[in-house]
Amino acid sequence: MRKIKTSGKSKTNQEILADKALMFKKEAKKNIAKAKKNLKLAEKKVETYMKDNPVKAAAIAAGIGAIVGAGVAAIIKGKRRR
């Protein structure tokens, strides 16, 4: 194995890759924690909006359901024609 000198110590390529992998793993964990925090905040905002505007929230949910249903129906209809 080839040794590379870094900060007074020689490291193999494998050790360097292991260090980088650990660094990326730590960064990924930070990003996941941040995403979870943002999702919790978004969840609270949605819950608050639904409590403050129940009729509007129900109308939005019904509209989204109708759009999704129409899309699924169009896909199924398109597959039957083949």
C-alpha atoms as a PDB file:
ATOM      1  CA  MET A   1       0.000   0.000   0.000  1.00  0.00           C
ATOM      2  CA  ARG A   2       1.136   3.468  -0.812  1.00  0.00           C
ATOM      3  CA  LYS A   3       1.613   5.798   2.143  1.00  0.00           C
ATOM      4  CA  ILE A   4       0.808   9.484   1.981  1.00  0.00           C
ATOM      5  CA  LYS A   5       2.272  11.899   4.477  1.00  0.00           C
ATOM      6  CA  THR A   6      -0.293  14.189   6.066  1.00  0.00           C
ATOM      7  CA  SER A   7       0.435  16.457   9.003  1.00  0.00           C
ATOM      8  CA  GLY A   8       3.529  14.583  10.092  1.00  0.00           C
ATOM      9  CA  LYS A   9       1.907  11.136   9.911  1.00  0.00           C
ATOM     10  CA  SER A  10       1.868   8.713   7.026  1.00  0.00           C
ATOM     11  CA  LYS A  11      -1.569   7.421   6.051  1.00  0.00           C
ATOM     12  CA  THR A  12      -2.536   4.804   3.540  1.00  0.00           C
ATOM     13  CA  ASN A  13      -5.136   5.541   0.885  1.00  0.00           C
ATOM     14  CA  GLN A  14      -7.492   3.248   2.753  1.00  0.00           C
ATOM     15  CA  GLU A  15      -7.087   5.251   5.969  1.00  0.00           C
ATOM     16  CA  ILE A  16      -7.663   8.503   4.103  1.00  0.00           C
ATOM     17  CA  LEU A  17     -10.833   7.085   2.529  1.00  0.00           C
ATOM     18  CA  ALA A  18     -12.007   5.827   5.919  1.00  0.00           C
ATOM     19  CA  ASP A  19     -11.486   9.309   7.398  1.00  0.00           C
ATOM     20  CA  LYS A  20     -13.427  10.904   4.542  1.00  0.00           C
ATOM     21  CA  ALA A  21     -16.231   8.347   4.885  1.00  0.00           C
ATOM     22  CA  LEU A  22     -16.496   9.134   8.588  1.00  0.00           C
ATOM     23  CA  MET A  23     -16.595  12.851   7.813  1.00  0.00           C
ATOM     24  CA  PHE A  24     -19.380  12.335   5.252  1.00  0.00           C
ATOM     25  CA  LYS A  25     -21.296  10.144   7.698  1.00  0.00           C
ATOM     26  CA  LYS A  26     -21.157  12.838  10.392  1.00  0.00           C
ATOM     27  CA  GLU A  27     -22.302  15.468   7.886  1.00  0.00           C
ATOM     28  CA  ALA A  28     -25.161  13.230   6.726  1.00  0.00           C
ATOM     29  CA  LYS A  29     -26.304  12.729  10.318  1.00  0.00           C
ATOM     30  CA  LYS A  30     -26.324  16.496  10.850  1.00  0.00           C
ATOM     31  CA  ASN A  31     -28.357  17.001   7.673  1.00  0.00           C
ATOM     32  CA  ILE A  32     -30.834  14.289   8.661  1.00  0.00           C
ATOM     33  CA  ALA A  33     -31.304  15.877  12.091  1.00  0.00           C
ATOM     34  CA  LYS A  34     -31.858  19.257  10.453  1.00  0.00           C
ATOM     35  CA  ALA A  35     -34.399  17.779   8.010  1.00  0.00           C
ATOM     36  CA  LYS A  36     -36.270  16.087  10.876  1.00  0.00           C
ATOM     37  CA  LYS A  37     -36.411  19.389  12.740  1.00  0.00           C
ATOM     38  CA  ASN A  38     -37.749  21.174   9.634  1.00  0.00           C
ATOM     39  CA  LEU A  39     -40.372  18.465   9.092  1.00  0.00           C
ATOM     40  CA  LYS A  40     -41.563  18.741  12.693  1.00  0.00           C
ATOM     41  CA  LEU A  41     -41.876  22.503  12.272  1.00  0.00           C
ATOM     42  CA  ALA A  42     -43.815  22.075   9.021  1.00  0.00           C
ATOM     43  CA  GLU A  43     -46.079  19.508  10.685  1.00  0.00           C
ATOM     44  CA  LYS A  44     -46.888  21.954  13.488  1.00  0.00           C
ATOM     45  CA  LYS A  45     -47.646  24.705  10.971  1.00  0.00           C
ATOM     46  CA  VAL A  46     -50.007  22.436   9.030  1.00  0.00           C
ATOM     47  CA  GLU A  47     -51.776  21.337  12.210  1.00  0.00           C
ATOM     48  CA  THR A  48     -52.201  24.948  13.305  1.00  0.00           C
ATOM     49  CA  TYR A  49     -53.518  25.945   9.870  1.00  0.00           C
ATOM     50  CA  MET A  50     -55.989  23.047   9.898  1.00  0.00           C
ATOM     51  CA  LYS A  51     -57.258  23.995  13.349  1.00  0.00           C
ATOM     52  CA  ASP A  52     -57.620  27.665  12.421  1.00  0.00           C
ATOM     53  CA  ASN A  53     -59.157  27.024   8.962  1.00  0.00           C
ATOM     54  CA  PRO A  54     -60.902  23.623   8.990  1.00  0.00           C
ATOM     55  CA  VAL A  55     -63.238  24.306   6.043  1.00  0.00           C
ATOM     56  CA  LYS A  56     -60.454  25.643   3.851  1.00  0.00           C
ATOM     57  CA  ALA A  57     -58.175  22.735   4.813  1.00  0.00           C
ATOM     58  CA  ALA A  58     -60.903  20.216   3.953  1.00  0.00           C
ATOM     59  CA  ALA A  59     -61.504  21.924   0.603  1.00  0.00           C
ATOM     60  CA  ILE A  60     -57.777  21.833  -0.204  1.00  0.00           C
ATOM     61  CA  ALA A  61     -57.576  18.143   0.765  1.00  0.00           C
ATOM     62  CA  ALA A  62     -60.632  17.340  -1.391  1.00  0.00           C
ATOM     63  CA  GLY A  63     -59.134  19.213  -4.340  1.00  0.00           C
ATOM     64  CA  ILE A  64     -55.827  17.379  -4.045  1.00  0.00           C
ATOM     65  CA  GLY A  65     -57.704  14.075  -3.767  1.00  0.00           C
ATOM     66  CA  ALA A  66     -59.708  14.868  -6.906  1.00  0.00           C
ATOM     67  CA  ILE A  67     -56.554  15.742  -8.852  1.00  0.00           C
ATOM     68  CA  VAL A  68     -54.758  12.580  -7.734  1.00  0.00           C
ATOM     69  CA  GLY A  69     -57.847  10.482  -8.499  1.00  0.00           C
ATOM     70  CA  ALA A  70     -58.180  11.992 -11.969  1.00  0.00           C
ATOM     71  CA  GLY A  71     -54.503  11.322 -12.627  1.00  0.00           C
ATOM     72  CA  VAL A  72     -54.766   7.689 -11.551  1.00  0.00           C
ATOM     73  CA  ALA A  73     -57.916   7.226 -13.650  1.00  0.00           C
ATOM     74  CA  ALA A  74     -56.168   8.708 -16.700  1.00  0.00           C
ATOM     75  CA  ILE A  75     -53.189   6.382 -16.225  1.00  0.00           C
ATOM     76  CA  ILE A  76     -55.432   3.322 -15.864  1.00  0.00           C
ATOM     77  CA  LYS A  77     -57.509   4.325 -18.886  1.00  0.00           C
ATOM     78  CA  GLY A  78     -54.319   4.838 -20.933  1.00  0.00           C
ATOM     79  CA  LYS A  79     -53.025   1.354 -20.028  1.00  0.00           C
ATOM     80  CA  ARG A  80     -56.295  -0.309 -21.033  1.00  0.00           C
ATOM     81  CA  ARG A  81     -56.071   1.120 -24.556  1.00  0.00           C
ATOM     82  CA  ARG A  82     -52.834  -0.685 -25.313  1.00  0.00           C
END
